[in-house]
C-alpha atoms as a PDB file:
ATOM      1  CA  MET A   1       0.252   0.223   0.185  1.00  0.00           C
ATOM      2  CA  SER A   2       2.856   2.553   0.678  1.00  0.00           C
ATOM      3  CA  ARG A   3       4.473   1.375  -2.292  1.00  0.00           C
ATOM      4  CA  MET A   4       1.415   2.669  -4.286  1.00  0.00           C
ATOM      5  CA  LYS A   5       0.953   5.673  -2.580  1.00  0.00           C
ATOM      6  CA  ALA A   6       4.767   6.747  -3.384  1.00  0.00           C
ATOM      7  CA  SER A   7       4.515   5.499  -6.886  1.00  0.00           C
ATOM      8  CA  ALA A   8       1.652   7.780  -7.235  1.00  0.00           C
ATOM      9  CA  VAL A   9       3.302  10.873  -5.454  1.00  0.00           C
ATOM     10  CA  GLY A  10       6.132  10.619  -7.901  1.00  0.00           C
ATOM     11  CA  VAL A  11       3.509  10.460 -10.588  1.00  0.00           C
ATOM     12  CA  ARG A  12       2.496  13.827  -9.118  1.00  0.00           C
ATOM     13  CA  SER A  13       5.615  15.015  -8.884  1.00  0.00           C
ATOM     14  CA  SER A  14       6.429  14.312 -12.167  1.00  0.00           C
ATOM     15  CA  ALA A  15       3.069  16.079 -13.529  1.00  0.00           C
ATOM     16  CA  VAL A  16       3.977  19.590 -11.776  1.00  0.00           C
ATOM     17  CA  ARG A  17       7.252  19.153 -13.348  1.00  0.00           C
ATOM     18  CA  GLY A  18       6.141  18.714 -17.082  1.00  0.00           C
ATOM     19  CA  GLY A  19       5.971  21.884 -18.408  1.00  0.00           C
ATOM     20  CA  ALA A  20       3.296  24.192 -19.917  1.00  0.00           C
ATOM     21  CA  GLY A  21       2.949  22.499 -22.975  1.00  0.00           C
ATOM     22  CA  ARG A  22       1.991  18.714 -21.152  1.00  0.00           C
ATOM     23  CA  GLY A  23       0.357  20.677 -17.785  1.00  0.00           C
ATOM     24  CA  ALA A  24      -3.132  19.734 -18.385  1.00  0.00           C
ATOM     25  CA  SER A  25      -2.638  16.381 -19.194  1.00  0.00           C
ATOM     26  CA  ALA A  26      -0.135  15.333 -16.467  1.00  0.00           C
ATOM     27  CA  ARG A  27      -2.842  17.081 -14.512  1.00  0.00           C
ATOM     28  CA  VAL A  28      -5.676  14.613 -15.457  1.00  0.00           C
ATOM     29  CA  VAL A  29      -3.243  11.797 -14.976  1.00  0.00           C
ATOM     30  CA  ALA A  30      -2.185  12.854 -11.435  1.00  0.00           C
ATOM     31  CA  VAL A  31      -5.773  13.237 -10.361  1.00  0.00           C
ATOM     32  CA  ARG A  32      -7.182   9.700 -11.414  1.00  0.00           C
ATOM     33  CA  SER A  33      -4.244   7.963 -10.315  1.00  0.00           C
ATOM     34  CA  LEU A  34      -4.903   9.411  -6.571  1.00  0.00           C
ATOM     35  CA  ALA A  35      -8.660   8.911  -7.039  1.00  0.00           C
ATOM     36  CA  GLN A  36      -7.823   5.205  -7.879  1.00  0.00           C
ATOM     37  CA  THR A  37      -5.472   4.791  -5.102  1.00  0.00           C
ATOM     38  CA  ASP A  38      -7.928   6.050  -2.236  1.00  0.00           C
ATOM     39  CA  GLY A  39     -10.731   3.987  -3.689  1.00  0.00           C
ATOM     40  CA  LEU A  40     -12.413   7.143  -4.873  1.00  0.00           C
ATOM     41  CA  PRO A  41     -15.265   6.906  -7.938  1.00  0.00           C
ATOM     42  CA  VAL A  42     -13.581   8.881 -10.857  1.00  0.00           C
ATOM     43  CA  LYS A  43     -16.024  11.518 -12.071  1.00  0.00           C
ATOM     44  CA  PRO A  44     -17.612  11.521 -16.034  1.00  0.00           C
ATOM     45  CA  SER A  45     -16.030  15.346 -16.587  1.00  0.00           C
ATOM     46  CA  ILE A  46     -12.695  13.858 -15.346  1.00  0.00           C
ATOM     47  CA  GLY A  47     -12.929  10.813 -17.524  1.00  0.00           C
ATOM     48  CA  LYS A  48     -13.340  13.007 -20.102  1.00  0.00           C
ATOM     49  CA  GLY A  49     -10.186  15.285 -19.609  1.00  0.00           C
ATOM     50  CA  VAL A  50     -11.831  18.404 -18.404  1.00  0.00           C
ATOM     51  CA  VAL A  51     -10.620  19.056 -14.716  1.00  0.00           C
ATOM     52  CA  PRO A  52     -13.586  20.858 -12.497  1.00  0.00           C
ATOM     53  CA  GLY A  53     -13.240  24.744 -11.734  1.00  0.00           C
ATOM     54  CA  GLY A  54      -9.817  24.650 -14.193  1.00  0.00           C
ATOM     55  CA  LYS A  55      -9.161  27.318 -16.989  1.00  0.00           C
ATOM     56  CA  GLY A  56      -7.398  25.061 -19.511  1.00  0.00           C
ATOM     57  CA  GLY A  57      -8.796  21.851 -19.354  1.00  0.00           C
ATOM     58  CA  GLY A  58      -9.418  19.427 -22.479  1.00  0.00           C
ATOM     59  CA  GLY A  59     -12.893  20.518 -23.285  1.00  0.00           C
ATOM     60  CA  SER A  60     -13.565  23.395 -25.898  1.00  0.00           C
ATOM     61  CA  ASN A  61     -16.019  25.522 -24.162  1.00  0.00           C
ATOM     62  CA  ASN A  62     -13.627  26.514 -20.889  1.00  0.00           C
ATOM     63  CA  GLY A  63     -15.498  25.181 -17.669  1.00  0.00           C
ATOM     64  CA  LYS A  64     -19.253  25.754 -19.258  1.00  0.00           C
ATOM     65  CA  PRO A  65     -21.691  23.250 -19.495  1.00  0.00           C
ATOM     66  CA  PRO A  66     -22.326  22.047 -23.224  1.00  0.00           C
ATOM     67  CA  MET A  67     -24.808  24.366 -25.107  1.00  0.00           C
ATOM     68  CA  LYS A  68     -28.337  22.010 -26.272  1.00  0.00           C
ATOM     69  CA  GLY A  69     -27.988  20.635 -29.176  1.00  0.00           C
ATOM     70  CA  GLY A  70     -24.475  20.170 -29.718  1.00  0.00           C
ATOM     71  CA  THR A  71     -22.599  23.513 -31.374  1.00  0.00           C
ATOM     72  CA  ARG A  72     -24.878  26.803 -32.556  1.00  0.00           C
ATOM     73  CA  LYS A  73     -26.497  27.028 -35.436  1.00  0.00           C
ATOM     74  CA  ARG A  74     -25.070  29.855 -37.627  1.00  0.00           C
ATOM     75  CA  LEU A  75     -27.755  32.962 -38.219  1.00  0.00           C
ATOM     76  CA  THR A  76     -29.062  33.242 -41.655  1.00  0.00           C
ATOM     77  CA  ALA A  77     -32.469  34.951 -42.369  1.00  0.00           C
ATOM     78  CA  ALA A  78     -34.096  31.460 -42.294  1.00  0.00           C
ATOM     79  CA  ASN A  79     -34.018  31.047 -39.174  1.00  0.00           C
ATOM     80  CA  ALA A  80     -34.136  34.695 -37.752  1.00  0.00           C
ATOM     81  CA  CYS A  81     -37.287  35.631 -36.014  1.00  0.00           C
ATOM     82  CA  SER A  82     -36.963  38.885 -34.418  1.00  0.00           C
ATOM     83  CA  LYS A  83     -35.476  42.756 -35.574  1.00  0.00           C
ATOM     84  CA  VAL A  84     -32.436  42.578 -33.266  1.00  0.00           C
ATOM     85  CA  GLU A  85     -31.627  39.539 -35.810  1.00  0.00           C
ATOM     86  CA  PHE A  86     -32.777  40.738 -38.663  1.00  0.00           C
ATOM     87  CA  ASP A  87     -30.142  43.837 -37.908  1.00  0.00           C
ATOM     88  CA  GLN A  88     -27.393  41.544 -37.930  1.00  0.00           C
ATOM     89  CA  LEU A  89     -27.457  39.937 -41.422  1.00  0.00           C
ATOM     90  CA  PRO A  90     -27.120  41.489 -44.571  1.00  0.00           C
ATOM     91  CA  VAL A  91     -30.115  43.425 -45.870  1.00  0.00           C
ATOM     92  CA  ASN A  92     -29.751  41.618 -49.207  1.00  0.00           C
ATOM     93  CA  GLU A  93     -29.667  38.421 -48.034  1.00  0.00           C
ATOM     94  CA  ILE A  94     -33.205  39.249 -45.706  1.00  0.00           C
ATOM     95  CA  TRP A  95     -34.239  40.397 -49.792  1.00  0.00           C
ATOM     96  CA  ALA A  96     -33.298  37.195 -51.098  1.00  0.00           C
ATOM     97  CA  GLU A  97     -34.935  35.405 -47.756  1.00  0.00           C
ATOM     98  CA  TYR A  98     -38.488  37.535 -48.547  1.00  0.00           C
ATOM     99  CA  ALA A  99     -38.313  37.083 -52.533  1.00  0.00           C
ATOM    100  CA  LYS A 100     -38.289  33.411 -51.751  1.00  0.00           C
ATOM    101  CA  THR A 101     -41.425  33.161 -48.623  1.00  0.00           C
ATOM    102  CA  GLN A 102     -42.941  36.133 -48.228  1.00  0.00           C
ATOM    103  CA  ARG A 103     -42.774  35.643 -44.511  1.00  0.00           C
ATOM    104  CA  PRO A 104     -44.863  38.812 -43.011  1.00  0.00           C
ATOM    105  CA  ASP A 105     -42.829  39.111 -39.908  1.00  0.00           C
ATOM    106  CA  ILE A 106     -39.839  40.289 -42.986  1.00  0.00           C
ATOM    107  CA  ARG A 107     -42.139  42.427 -44.520  1.00  0.00           C
ATOM    108  CA  ASN A 108     -43.257  43.815 -41.196  1.00  0.00           C
ATOM    109  CA  TYR A 109     -39.428  44.325 -40.157  1.00  0.00           C
ATOM    110  CA  PHE A 110     -38.861  46.580 -44.013  1.00  0.00           C
ATOM    111  CA  TRP A 111     -41.609  48.711 -43.132  1.00  0.00           C
ATOM    112  CA  GLU A 112     -40.089  49.630 -39.662  1.00  0.00           C
ATOM    113  CA  ARG A 113     -36.701  50.100 -41.415  1.00  0.00           C
ATOM    114  CA  TYR A 114     -37.524  52.044 -43.771  1.00  0.00           C
ATOM    115  CA  LEU A 115     -40.589  54.374 -42.251  1.00  0.00           C
ATOM    116  CA  PRO A 116     -38.233  57.182 -41.418  1.00  0.00           C
ATOM    117  CA  LEU A 117     -37.782  57.239 -45.461  1.00  0.00           C
ATOM    118  CA  VAL A 118     -41.369  58.139 -45.619  1.00  0.00           C
ATOM    119  CA  ARG A 119     -41.506  60.740 -43.020  1.00  0.00           C
ATOM    120  CA  TYR A 120     -38.717  62.581 -44.460  1.00  0.00           C
ATOM    121  CA  ILE A 121     -40.644  62.566 -48.108  1.00  0.00           C
ATOM    122  CA  ALA A 122     -43.698  63.868 -46.585  1.00  0.00           C
ATOM    123  CA  GLU A 123     -42.268  66.449 -44.820  1.00  0.00           C
ATOM    124  CA  LYS A 124     -40.102  67.947 -48.235  1.00  0.00           C
ATOM    125  CA  THR A 125     -43.091  67.576 -49.834  1.00  0.00           C
ATOM    126  CA  TYR A 126     -45.190  69.915 -47.278  1.00  0.00           C
ATOM    127  CA  THR A 127     -43.190  72.487 -47.492  1.00  0.00           C
ATOM    128  CA  ARG A 128     -44.211  73.691 -51.167  1.00  0.00           C
ATOM    129  CA  LEU A 129     -47.768  72.991 -49.395  1.00  0.00           C
ATOM    130  CA  PRO A 130     -50.648  75.461 -47.976  1.00  0.00           C
ATOM    131  CA  ASP A 131     -50.746  75.211 -44.762  1.00  0.00           C
ATOM    132  CA  GLU A 132     -54.716  73.492 -45.014  1.00  0.00           C
ATOM    133  CA  VAL A 133     -52.464  70.082 -46.174  1.00  0.00           C
ATOM    134  CA  ASP A 134     -51.551  68.420 -43.097  1.00  0.00           C
ATOM    135  CA  VAL A 135     -48.316  66.686 -42.852  1.00  0.00           C
ATOM    136  CA  GLY A 136     -49.594  63.162 -41.154  1.00  0.00           C
ATOM    137  CA  ASP A 137     -52.424  62.758 -44.330  1.00  0.00           C
ATOM    138  CA  LEU A 138     -49.133  62.996 -46.315  1.00  0.00           C
ATOM    139  CA  MET A 139     -46.981  60.224 -44.286  1.00  0.00           C
ATOM    140  CA  SER A 140     -50.136  58.020 -44.559  1.00  0.00           C
ATOM    141  CA  ALA A 141     -50.315  57.494 -48.242  1.00  0.00           C
ATOM    142  CA  GLY A 142     -46.903  57.481 -47.987  1.00  0.00           C
ATOM    143  CA  GLN A 143     -46.733  54.503 -46.115  1.00  0.00           C
ATOM    144  CA  PHE A 144     -49.170  52.704 -48.877  1.00  0.00           C
ATOM    145  CA  GLY A 145     -47.008  53.915 -51.349  1.00  0.00           C
ATOM    146  CA  LEU A 146     -43.682  52.014 -49.143  1.00  0.00           C
ATOM    147  CA  MET A 147     -45.682  48.874 -48.671  1.00  0.00           C
ATOM    148  CA  ASP A 148     -46.316  48.877 -52.610  1.00  0.00           C
ATOM    149  CA  ALA A 149     -42.686  49.298 -52.918  1.00  0.00           C
ATOM    150  CA  ILE A 150     -41.719  46.227 -50.506  1.00  0.00           C
ATOM    151  CA  ASP A 151     -43.919  43.896 -52.277  1.00  0.00           C
ATOM    152  CA  ALA A 152     -42.600  45.230 -55.977  1.00  0.00           C
ATOM    153  CA  PHE A 153     -39.332  45.373 -55.016  1.00  0.00           C
ATOM    154  CA  ASP A 154     -36.643  43.168 -57.541  1.00  0.00           C
ATOM    155  CA  LEU A 155     -33.528  42.790 -55.917  1.00  0.00           C
ATOM    156  CA  ALA A 156     -31.781  41.505 -59.016  1.00  0.00           C
ATOM    157  CA  LYS A 157     -32.469  44.881 -60.788  1.00  0.00           C
ATOM    158  CA  GLY A 158     -29.606  46.318 -58.828  1.00  0.00           C
ATOM    159  CA  VAL A 159     -31.118  49.186 -57.823  1.00  0.00           C
ATOM    160  CA  LYS A 160     -30.922  50.118 -54.100  1.00  0.00           C
ATOM    161  CA  PHE A 161     -34.538  49.954 -51.965  1.00  0.00           C
ATOM    162  CA  GLU A 162     -34.619  53.292 -51.045  1.00  0.00           C
ATOM    163  CA  THR A 163     -33.851  54.317 -54.440  1.00  0.00           C
ATOM    164  CA  TYR A 164     -36.743  52.506 -55.465  1.00  0.00           C
ATOM    165  CA  SER A 165     -39.060  53.163 -52.647  1.00  0.00           C
ATOM    166  CA  ALA A 166     -38.607  57.355 -52.668  1.00  0.00           C
ATOM    167  CA  THR A 167     -40.233  57.407 -56.354  1.00  0.00           C
ATOM    168  CA  ARG A 168     -42.846  55.014 -55.227  1.00  0.00           C
ATOM    169  CA  ILE A 169     -43.721  57.176 -51.895  1.00  0.00           C
ATOM    170  CA  LYS A 170     -43.509  59.939 -53.566  1.00  0.00           C
ATOM    171  CA  GLY A 171     -46.337  59.062 -55.989  1.00  0.00           C
ATOM    172  CA  ALA A 172     -48.413  57.756 -53.708  1.00  0.00           C
ATOM    173  CA  ILE A 173     -48.478  61.018 -51.718  1.00  0.00           C
ATOM    174  CA  ILE A 174     -48.912  63.068 -55.007  1.00  0.00           C
ATOM    175  CA  ASP A 175     -51.632  60.643 -55.890  1.00  0.00           C
ATOM    176  CA  GLU A 176     -53.017  61.567 -52.841  1.00  0.00           C
ATOM    177  CA  LEU A 177     -52.960  65.504 -53.218  1.00  0.00           C
ATOM    178  CA  ARG A 178     -54.654  65.398 -56.330  1.00  0.00           C
ATOM    179  CA  ALA A 179     -57.575  62.828 -54.804  1.00  0.00           C
ATOM    180  CA  MET A 180     -57.944  65.245 -52.624  1.00  0.00           C
ATOM    181  CA  ASP A 181     -57.819  68.524 -54.828  1.00  0.00           C
ATOM    182  CA  TRP A 182     -61.684  69.745 -55.943  1.00  0.00           C
ATOM    183  CA  VAL A 183     -59.879  71.440 -59.234  1.00  0.00           C
ATOM    184  CA  PRO A 184     -59.013  70.079 -62.121  1.00  0.00           C
ATOM    185  CA  ARG A 185     -55.103  69.727 -63.464  1.00  0.00           C
ATOM    186  CA  LEU A 186     -55.613  71.553 -66.079  1.00  0.00           C
ATOM    187  CA  VAL A 187     -57.018  74.021 -64.529  1.00  0.00           C
ATOM    188  CA  ARG A 188     -54.059  73.895 -61.793  1.00  0.00           C
ATOM    189  CA  HIS A 189     -51.650  74.519 -64.493  1.00  0.00           C
ATOM    190  CA  ARG A 190     -53.337  77.024 -66.349  1.00  0.00           C
ATOM    191  CA  THR A 191     -53.136  78.467 -62.814  1.00  0.00           C
ATOM    192  CA  ALA A 192     -49.335  78.388 -62.434  1.00  0.00           C
ATOM    193  CA  LYS A 193     -48.778  79.670 -65.739  1.00  0.00           C
ATOM    194  CA  VAL A 194     -50.230  82.567 -65.634  1.00  0.00           C
ATOM    195  CA  SER A 195     -48.510  82.601 -62.011  1.00  0.00           C
ATOM    196  CA  VAL A 196     -45.031  82.652 -63.648  1.00  0.00           C
ATOM    197  CA  ILE A 197     -45.739  85.286 -66.275  1.00  0.00           C
ATOM    198  CA  ARG A 198     -47.034  87.392 -63.669  1.00  0.00           C
ATOM    199  CA  ASP A 199     -43.715  87.050 -61.341  1.00  0.00           C
ATOM    200  CA  LYS A 200     -41.649  87.660 -63.900  1.00  0.00           C
ATOM    201  CA  PHE A 201     -43.251  90.420 -65.761  1.00  0.00           C
ATOM    202  CA  GLU A 202     -43.548  92.170 -62.070  1.00  0.00           C
ATOM    203  CA  MET A 203     -39.589  91.414 -61.059  1.00  0.00           C
ATOM    204  CA  ARG A 204     -38.579  92.982 -65.036  1.00  0.00           C
ATOM    205  CA  ASN A 205     -40.797  96.075 -64.697  1.00  0.00           C
ATOM    206  CA  GLY A 206     -41.951  96.661 -61.284  1.00  0.00           C
ATOM    207  CA  ARG A 207     -45.831  96.434 -61.221  1.00  0.00           C
ATOM    208  CA  SER A 208     -48.387  94.744 -62.264  1.00  0.00           C
ATOM    209  CA  PRO A 209     -49.428  93.365 -65.530  1.00  0.00           C
ATOM    210  CA  THR A 210     -52.596  94.148 -67.260  1.00  0.00           C
ATOM    211  CA  ASP A 211     -54.841  91.464 -68.988  1.00  0.00           C
ATOM    212  CA  ASP A 212     -53.331  92.664 -73.026  1.00  0.00           C
ATOM    213  CA  GLU A 213     -49.899  92.084 -71.505  1.00  0.00           C
ATOM    214  CA  VAL A 214     -50.598  89.138 -70.290  1.00  0.00           C
ATOM    215  CA  SER A 215     -52.361  88.095 -73.369  1.00  0.00           C
ATOM    216  CA  GLN A 216     -49.670  88.757 -75.794  1.00  0.00           C
ATOM    217  CA  ALA A 217     -47.123  86.154 -72.822  1.00  0.00           C
ATOM    218  CA  LEU A 218     -49.763  83.591 -73.052  1.00  0.00           C
ATOM    219  CA  GLY A 219     -50.501  83.512 -76.669  1.00  0.00           C
ATOM    220  CA  ALA A 220     -54.356  83.811 -76.546  1.00  0.00           C
ATOM    221  CA  THR A 221     -56.881  86.323 -77.098  1.00  0.00           C
ATOM    222  CA  GLY A 222     -60.663  86.488 -76.764  1.00  0.00           C
ATOM    223  CA  GLU A 223     -62.456  83.414 -75.484  1.00  0.00           C
ATOM    224  CA  ASP A 224     -59.276  81.459 -74.865  1.00  0.00           C
ATOM    225  CA  LEU A 225     -57.579  83.978 -72.897  1.00  0.00           C
ATOM    226  CA  GLU A 226     -61.052  84.614 -71.076  1.00  0.00           C
ATOM    227  CA  LYS A 227     -60.948  81.017 -69.953  1.00  0.00           C
ATOM    228  CA  ILE A 228     -57.526  81.242 -68.941  1.00  0.00           C
ATOM    229  CA  LEU A 229     -57.928  84.255 -66.551  1.00  0.00           C
ATOM    230  CA  LYS A 230     -60.706  82.848 -65.526  1.00  0.00           C
ATOM    231  CA  ASP A 231     -59.218  79.162 -64.353  1.00  0.00           C
ATOM    232  CA  SER A 232     -56.147  80.936 -63.092  1.00  0.00           C
ATOM    233  CA  GLY A 233     -58.493  82.849 -60.365  1.00  0.00           C
ATOM    234  CA  ALA A 234     -59.823  79.678 -59.138  1.00  0.00           C
ATOM    235  CA  VAL A 235     -61.630  79.759 -55.564  1.00  0.00           C
ATOM    236  CA  MET A 236     -59.189  78.168 -52.910  1.00  0.00           C
ATOM    237  CA  THR A 237     -60.841  76.441 -49.830  1.00  0.00           C
ATOM    238  CA  VAL A 238     -58.777  77.817 -46.941  1.00  0.00           C
ATOM    239  CA  SER A 239     -58.679  77.289 -43.039  1.00  0.00           C
ATOM    240  CA  LEU A 240     -60.326  79.656 -41.331  1.00  0.00           C
ATOM    241  CA  ASN A 241     -57.576  78.580 -38.313  1.00  0.00           C
ATOM    242  CA  ARG A 242     -54.554  79.277 -39.965  1.00  0.00           C
ATOM    243  CA  LYS A 243     -52.895  82.656 -39.034  1.00  0.00           C
ATOM    244  CA  ALA A 244     -53.708  85.282 -40.600  1.00  0.00           C
ATOM    245  CA  PHE A 245     -50.667  87.591 -40.123  1.00  0.00           C
ATOM    246  CA  ASN A 246     -48.115  87.958 -37.109  1.00  0.00           C
ATOM    247  CA  SER A 247     -50.026  89.810 -34.513  1.00  0.00           C
ATOM    248  CA  ASP A 248     -47.704  92.211 -31.238  1.00  0.00           C
ATOM    249  CA  GLY A 249     -49.955  89.989 -28.816  1.00  0.00           C
ATOM    250  CA  ASN A 250     -49.770  86.838 -27.733  1.00  0.00           C
ATOM    251  CA  LYS A 251     -52.864  85.550 -29.307  1.00  0.00           C
ATOM    252  CA  GLU A 252     -52.468  84.410 -32.581  1.00  0.00           C
ATOM    253  CA  VAL A 253     -54.791  86.547 -35.504  1.00  0.00           C
ATOM    254  CA  THR A 254     -56.768  83.861 -37.150  1.00  0.00           C
ATOM    255  CA  GLU A 255     -58.547  84.309 -40.397  1.00  0.00           C
ATOM    256  CA  ILE A 256     -61.862  84.075 -38.488  1.00  0.00           C
ATOM    257  CA  ASP A 257     -61.032  87.119 -36.401  1.00  0.00           C
ATOM    258  CA  VAL A 258     -60.355  89.345 -39.691  1.00  0.00           C
ATOM    259  CA  LEU A 259     -63.091  87.675 -41.935  1.00  0.00           C
ATOM    260  CA  LYS A 260     -65.397  90.392 -42.967  1.00  0.00           C
ATOM    261  CA  ASP A 261     -69.185  89.536 -42.921  1.00  0.00           C
ATOM    262  CA  HIS A 262     -70.928  90.691 -45.380  1.00  0.00           C
ATOM    263  CA  SER A 263     -74.354  89.651 -43.961  1.00  0.00           C
ATOM    264  CA  GLN A 264     -74.239  91.883 -41.676  1.00  0.00           C
ATOM    265  CA  GLN A 265     -75.065  96.029 -42.259  1.00  0.00           C
ATOM    266  CA  ASN A 266     -73.584  98.996 -41.199  1.00  0.00           C
ATOM    267  CA  PRO A 267     -75.156 100.588 -38.784  1.00  0.00           C
ATOM    268  CA  LEU A 268     -73.605 104.134 -39.776  1.00  0.00           C
ATOM    269  CA  LEU A 269     -75.170 103.735 -43.217  1.00  0.00           C
ATOM    270  CA  GLU A 270     -78.476 102.074 -42.608  1.00  0.00           C
ATOM    271  CA  THR A 271     -78.556 105.679 -39.660  1.00  0.00           C
ATOM    272  CA  GLN A 272     -78.304 107.649 -43.478  1.00  0.00           C
ATOM    273  CA  ARG A 273     -80.551 105.595 -45.077  1.00  0.00           C
ATOM    274  CA  ARG A 274     -82.999 105.820 -42.908  1.00  0.00           C
ATOM    275  CA  ASP A 275     -82.521 109.874 -42.500  1.00  0.00           C
ATOM    276  CA  ILE A 276     -82.438 110.383 -46.124  1.00  0.00           C
ATOM    277  CA  LYS A 277     -85.751 108.305 -46.396  1.00  0.00           C
ATOM    278  CA  GLU A 278     -87.694 110.470 -44.174  1.00  0.00           C
ATOM    279  CA  MET A 279     -86.427 113.738 -45.750  1.00  0.00           C
ATOM    280  CA  LEU A 280     -87.457 112.493 -48.667  1.00  0.00           C
ATOM    281  CA  THR A 281     -91.450 111.395 -48.008  1.00  0.00           C
ATOM    282  CA  ARG A 282     -91.694 114.508 -45.674  1.00  0.00           C
ATOM    283  CA  GLY A 283     -94.598 116.585 -46.696  1.00  0.00           C
ATOM    284  CA  LEU A 284     -95.959 114.107 -48.842  1.00  0.00           C
ATOM    285  CA  SER A 285     -99.506 112.239 -49.108  1.00  0.00           C
ATOM    286  CA  ARG A 286     -99.822 108.295 -47.598  1.00  0.00           C
ATOM    287  CA  ALA A 287    -100.190 107.418 -51.419  1.00  0.00           C
ATOM    288  CA  GLU A 288     -97.206 109.809 -52.821  1.00  0.00           C
ATOM    289  CA  ARG A 289     -94.850 108.389 -49.529  1.00  0.00           C
ATOM    290  CA  LEU A 290     -95.817 104.798 -50.718  1.00  0.00           C
ATOM    291  CA  ILE A 291     -95.216 105.329 -54.270  1.00  0.00           C
ATOM    292  CA  VAL A 292     -91.626 106.524 -53.566  1.00  0.00           C
ATOM    293  CA  ILE A 293     -91.099 103.532 -51.032  1.00  0.00           C
ATOM    294  CA  LEU A 294     -92.243 100.865 -53.536  1.00  0.00           C
ATOM    295  CA  TYR A 295     -90.506 101.799 -56.441  1.00  0.00           C
ATOM    296  CA  TYR A 296     -87.253 102.679 -55.309  1.00  0.00           C
ATOM    297  CA  TYR A 297     -86.743 100.822 -52.040  1.00  0.00           C
ATOM    298  CA  GLU A 298     -88.729  97.970 -52.991  1.00  0.00           C
ATOM    299  CA  GLU A 299     -87.652  97.813 -56.374  1.00  0.00           C
ATOM    300  CA  MET A 300     -91.430  97.214 -57.423  1.00  0.00           C
ATOM    301  CA  THR A 301     -92.733  98.118 -61.162  1.00  0.00           C
ATOM    302  CA  MET A 302     -95.453 100.842 -62.288  1.00  0.00           C
ATOM    303  CA  LYS A 303     -98.068  97.972 -62.875  1.00  0.00           C
ATOM    304  CA  GLU A 304     -97.372  96.174 -59.715  1.00  0.00           C
ATOM    305  CA  ILE A 305     -97.636  99.604 -57.679  1.00  0.00           C
ATOM    306  CA  GLY A 306    -100.535 100.266 -59.217  1.00  0.00           C
ATOM    307  CA  SER A 307    -102.463  97.076 -58.861  1.00  0.00           C
ATOM    308  CA  THR A 308    -101.430  97.536 -54.543  1.00  0.00           C
ATOM    309  CA  LEU A 309    -102.651 101.113 -54.302  1.00  0.00           C
ATOM    310  CA  ASP A 310    -105.894 100.313 -56.527  1.00  0.00           C
ATOM    311  CA  LEU A 311    -104.551 102.351 -58.979  1.00  0.00           C
ATOM    312  CA  SER A 312    -104.159 102.290 -62.891  1.00  0.00           C
ATOM    313  CA  GLU A 313    -100.588 102.308 -64.451  1.00  0.00           C
ATOM    314  CA  SER A 314    -100.703 105.851 -66.385  1.00  0.00           C
ATOM    315  CA  ARG A 315    -101.659 107.315 -63.025  1.00  0.00           C
ATOM    316  CA  VAL A 316     -98.828 106.272 -60.943  1.00  0.00           C
ATOM    317  CA  SER A 317     -96.208 107.141 -63.419  1.00  0.00           C
ATOM    318  CA  GLN A 318     -98.143 110.353 -63.252  1.00  0.00           C
ATOM    319  CA  MET A 319     -97.606 110.849 -59.711  1.00  0.00           C
ATOM    320  CA  HIS A 320     -94.333 109.783 -59.841  1.00  0.00           C
ATOM    321  CA  SER A 321     -93.641 112.526 -62.223  1.00  0.00           C
ATOM    322  CA  LEU A 322     -94.960 115.193 -60.106  1.00  0.00           C
ATOM    323  CA  ILE A 323     -93.032 113.003 -56.819  1.00  0.00           C
ATOM    324  CA  LEU A 324     -89.728 113.795 -58.699  1.00  0.00           C
ATOM    325  CA  ALA A 325     -90.296 117.575 -59.441  1.00  0.00           C
ATOM    326  CA  ARG A 326     -91.174 118.290 -55.995  1.00  0.00           C
ATOM    327  CA  LEU A 327     -88.167 116.674 -54.103  1.00  0.00           C
ATOM    328  CA  LYS A 328     -86.286 118.181 -56.773  1.00  0.00           C
ATOM    329  CA  SER A 329     -87.381 121.445 -55.491  1.00  0.00           C
ATOM    330  CA  GLN A 330     -87.239 120.824 -52.191  1.00  0.00           C
ATOM    331  CA  LEU A 331     -83.616 119.595 -52.142  1.00  0.00           C
ATOM    332  CA  GLN A 332     -81.778 122.662 -54.234  1.00  0.00           C
ATOM    333  CA  ASN A 333     -83.117 124.313 -51.064  1.00  0.00           C
ATOM    334  CA  ARG A 334     -81.039 121.778 -48.805  1.00  0.00           C
ATOM    335  CA  THR A 335     -77.927 120.898 -50.890  1.00  0.00           C
ATOM    336  CA  ASP A 336     -75.959 122.056 -47.670  1.00  0.00           C
ATOM    337  CA  GLU A 337     -77.283 119.295 -45.601  1.00  0.00           C
ATOM    338  CA  LEU A 338     -76.502 116.700 -48.101  1.00  0.00           C
ATOM    339  CA  GLU A 339     -72.734 117.640 -48.274  1.00  0.00           C
ATOM    340  CA  PRO A 340     -69.827 115.564 -46.434  1.00  0.00           C
ATOM    341  CA  ASP A 341     -68.727 117.628 -43.456  1.00  0.00           C
ATOM    342  CA  ASP A 342     -64.780 117.594 -44.740  1.00  0.00           C
ATOM    343  CA  ARG A 343     -63.787 119.691 -41.455  1.00  0.00           C
ATOM    344  CA  GLU A 344     -61.148 118.443 -39.505  1.00  0.00           C
ATOM    345  CA  ASP A 345     -61.107 118.221 -35.669  1.00  0.00           C
END
């Protein structure tokens, strides 16, 4: 027994002196010899050449438990299923996989990847449009164009997807703008043409052109010119909540704040109109007053006035002539009252 222990100690000491190149295998042999000498069971990991807790054992995973399924599978577009995994792959490989399988998860990945391109094109287009257009509507239309571009993209053409999709996205936005516009495209073209001619004339001559000068520039006369000018002044729909102009106060001045309401009557003009009517009808009989009011204020004809007053049309005409002669003589004596007061306060 003592001889066996001595041999084991000799093996262990030789393993220690064995050098760096054979250190791992020597340690494995020494441990196994000591275990067998002491009557201890040999662990399977030791039998496989791995020293528990060691750093330089014969295993290839540095003391870590082996992975399930053996070696790790290489990440490809076929087995990738998340955005993080797709980002690690070449984009051409993902496009090739999508062309073969049309997988929805790959389609969603492309949609998220190129969505900032839609925003860029929509905001760039929005800078040349009126304030009534919402940039959100442009982005919604551009997203449909992006989805169509993803479905129709062909990697074999040798064109980058950004270049191809930009045209499709911009085209979808323009189609949406045309669908939203109630004015025909021909009218828009004529409006732009006349606007360019007017701007060039103003820059060259410092004043607005006349219709004859616009006619010479367009090369159109007669009905054609009238139609072009009419189309160039097409009515636009505007938002009453948009800013009308900059103000010095904190409140923003909108179009509805400065919009003139033509249905409302001017109190000053109404007062003047009433005073003139009272002055003209003063001193007239009831029938004469009715003739003046119905003819000039109600805009009725002589025949209609005669049927209302139960008089003939010729009698109404005769009375009307007499009333005018009398009013003319009265107004000549009151000219000073009707002249505007130009005196300054």
